[in-house]
Protein backbone atom coordinates (compact mmCIF):
# COMPACT_ATOMS: atom_id res chain seq x y z
CA UNK A 1 0.05 -0.02 0.10
CA UNK A 2 1.41 3.32 -0.97
CA UNK A 3 1.07 6.40 1.09
CA UNK A 4 1.59 9.99 0.15
CA UNK A 5 4.80 11.25 1.64
CA UNK A 6 4.07 13.37 4.77
CA UNK A 7 5.12 16.59 2.94
CA UNK A 8 2.58 15.82 0.24
CA UNK A 9 -0.14 15.06 2.75
CA UNK A 10 0.54 18.31 4.56
CA UNK A 11 0.49 20.14 1.18
CA UNK A 12 -2.77 18.50 0.22
CA UNK A 13 -4.31 19.33 3.54
CA UNK A 14 -3.06 22.84 3.18
CA UNK A 15 -4.61 23.04 -0.31
CA UNK A 16 -7.95 21.81 0.90
CA UNK A 17 -7.98 24.36 3.79
CA UNK A 18 -6.99 27.11 1.40
CA UNK A 19 -9.70 26.07 -1.03
CA UNK A 20 -12.38 25.86 1.67
CA UNK A 21 -11.27 29.25 3.09
CA UNK A 22 -11.38 30.81 -0.26
CA UNK A 23 -14.87 29.51 -0.76
CA UNK A 24 -15.94 31.34 2.36
CA UNK A 25 -13.99 34.45 1.22
CA UNK A 26 -15.74 34.33 -2.19
CA UNK A 27 -19.14 34.09 -0.38
CA UNK A 28 -18.10 37.31 1.77
CA UNK A 29 -16.93 38.92 -1.18
CA UNK A 30 -20.09 38.28 -3.17
CA UNK A 31 -22.21 39.48 -0.22
CA UNK A 32 -19.98 42.62 0.09
CA UNK A 33 -20.34 43.24 -3.67
CA UNK A 34 -24.22 43.02 -3.32
CA UNK A 35 -24.38 45.69 -0.68
CA UNK A 36 -21.86 47.95 -2.43
CA UNK A 37 -23.78 47.69 -5.69
CA UNK A 38 -26.97 48.78 -4.12
CA UNK A 39 -25.19 51.65 -2.28
CA UNK A 40 -23.35 52.78 -5.44
CA UNK A 41 -26.46 52.73 -7.50
CA UNK A 42 -28.05 55.12 -5.01
CA UNK A 43 -24.84 57.26 -5.11
CA UNK A 44 -25.06 57.54 -8.88
CA UNK A 45 -28.61 58.95 -8.55
CA UNK A 46 -27.54 61.44 -5.93
CA UNK A 47 -24.48 62.56 -7.96
CA UNK A 48 -26.71 62.74 -11.04
CA UNK A 49 -29.15 64.86 -9.08
CA UNK A 50 -26.62 67.20 -7.86
CA UNK A 51 -25.53 67.76 -11.52
CA UNK A 52 -29.01 68.26 -12.76
CA UNK A 53 -30.41 71.82 -13.36
CA UNK A 54 -33.97 70.73 -13.00
CA UNK A 55 -36.54 71.68 -10.34
CA UNK A 56 -34.97 71.15 -6.97
CA UNK A 57 -38.12 69.73 -5.43
CA UNK A 58 -38.66 67.16 -8.12
CA UNK A 59 -34.86 66.28 -8.11
CA UNK A 60 -35.04 65.70 -4.29
CA UNK A 61 -38.05 63.56 -4.73
CA UNK A 62 -36.20 61.37 -7.29
CA UNK A 63 -33.37 60.94 -4.72
CA UNK A 64 -35.84 60.03 -1.98
CA UNK A 65 -37.47 57.50 -4.28
CA UNK A 66 -34.19 56.08 -5.16
CA UNK A 67 -33.20 55.89 -1.45
CA UNK A 68 -36.52 54.05 -0.60
CA UNK A 69 -35.81 51.58 -3.47
CA UNK A 70 -32.24 51.10 -2.22
CA UNK A 71 -33.72 50.33 1.16
CA UNK A 72 -35.99 47.68 -0.38
CA UNK A 73 -33.07 46.32 -2.50
CA UNK A 74 -30.89 46.06 0.56
CA UNK A 75 -33.67 44.31 2.45
CA UNK A 76 -34.02 41.74 -0.41
CA UNK A 77 -30.28 40.60 -0.35
CA UNK A 78 -29.75 37.11 0.89
CA UNK A 79 -26.80 37.49 3.32
CA UNK A 80 -25.40 34.93 5.59
CA UNK A 81 -22.59 36.91 7.11
CA UNK A 82 -23.55 38.37 10.39
CA UNK A 83 -21.42 41.50 10.17
CA UNK A 84 -22.83 42.24 6.75
CA UNK A 85 -26.30 41.62 8.03
CA UNK A 86 -25.68 44.18 10.71
CA UNK A 87 -24.19 46.81 8.38
CA UNK A 88 -27.00 46.21 5.97
CA UNK A 89 -29.47 47.01 8.72
CA UNK A 90 -27.53 50.16 9.51
CA UNK A 91 -27.80 51.18 5.91
CA UNK A 92 -31.55 50.44 5.72
CA UNK A 93 -32.11 52.47 8.94
CA UNK A 94 -30.00 55.43 7.45
CA UNK A 95 -31.94 55.32 4.18
CA UNK A 96 -35.25 55.16 5.85
CA UNK A 97 -34.48 57.89 8.26
CA UNK A 98 -33.00 60.08 5.60
CA UNK A 99 -35.86 59.75 3.17
CA UNK A 100 -38.40 60.45 5.85
CA UNK A 101 -36.53 63.55 6.95
CA UNK A 102 -36.19 64.65 3.35
CA UNK A 103 -39.96 64.31 2.60
CA UNK A 104 -40.75 66.33 5.93
CA UNK A 105 -38.24 68.93 4.83
CA UNK A 106 -39.95 69.26 1.31
CA UNK A 107 -43.43 69.46 2.86
CA UNK A 108 -42.36 72.09 5.21
CA UNK A 109 -40.43 73.95 2.52
CA UNK A 110 -43.69 73.98 0.34
CA UNK A 111 -45.81 75.23 3.22
CA UNK A 112 -43.20 77.75 4.31
CA UNK A 113 -43.33 76.21 7.81
CA UNK A 114 -40.06 77.54 9.31
CA UNK A 115 -40.34 75.62 12.59
CA UNK A 116 -40.86 72.01 10.86
CA UNK A 117 -38.29 72.97 8.20
CA UNK A 118 -35.66 73.58 11.07
CA UNK A 119 -36.55 70.33 12.58
CA UNK A 120 -36.26 68.53 9.44
CA UNK A 121 -32.82 69.92 8.60
CA UNK A 122 -31.60 68.81 12.00
CA UNK A 123 -33.18 65.39 11.48
CA UNK A 124 -31.41 65.14 8.13
CA UNK A 125 -28.19 65.93 9.62
CA UNK A 126 -28.62 63.37 12.32
CA UNK A 127 -29.90 60.76 9.79
CA UNK A 128 -26.99 61.07 7.30
CA UNK A 129 -24.24 61.44 10.03
CA UNK A 130 -23.48 57.61 10.10
CA UNK A 131 -23.04 57.46 6.35
CA UNK A 132 -19.27 57.91 6.14
CA UNK A 133 -18.56 55.57 9.06
CA UNK A 134 -20.79 52.93 7.47
CA UNK A 135 -18.94 53.28 4.12
CA UNK A 136 -15.60 52.98 6.04
CA UNK A 137 -16.80 49.86 8.10
CA UNK A 138 -18.02 47.98 5.00
CA UNK A 139 -14.95 48.79 3.02
CA UNK A 140 -12.72 47.84 5.87
CA UNK A 141 -14.66 44.68 6.57
CA UNK A 142 -14.85 43.56 2.93
CA UNK A 143 -11.19 44.24 2.22
CA UNK A 144 -10.29 42.12 5.38
CA UNK A 145 -8.64 45.07 7.33
């Protein structure tokens, strides 16, 4: 009966572990890409809106609609990674709070309701504050840092 030399057995075991490990990494990478694609699609709408010379109210409503769609798209992602599920939840929360505050802002603006407008601006600032940290967290996690 022939056996693999010990060094070949260790090399084979290492290859199997590496293969299994990369399979998990690919799954993590695929899940990261799903979240990033949704976030980037929303960012494209926001950048496009910033560059438009159209009616500001209509443009803002388009961004709000895109944000609400991004929230739905994030929710529908099938994730198995606990960290990515947590980050997704934070993105969904931020999108929901930002879109709600923006709608309140637009309503107050149209009604010329200064008190509600000021509250909506404060809420917008609070709702969007976590964005950069969320982007940093997902980039760091997905890049393995």
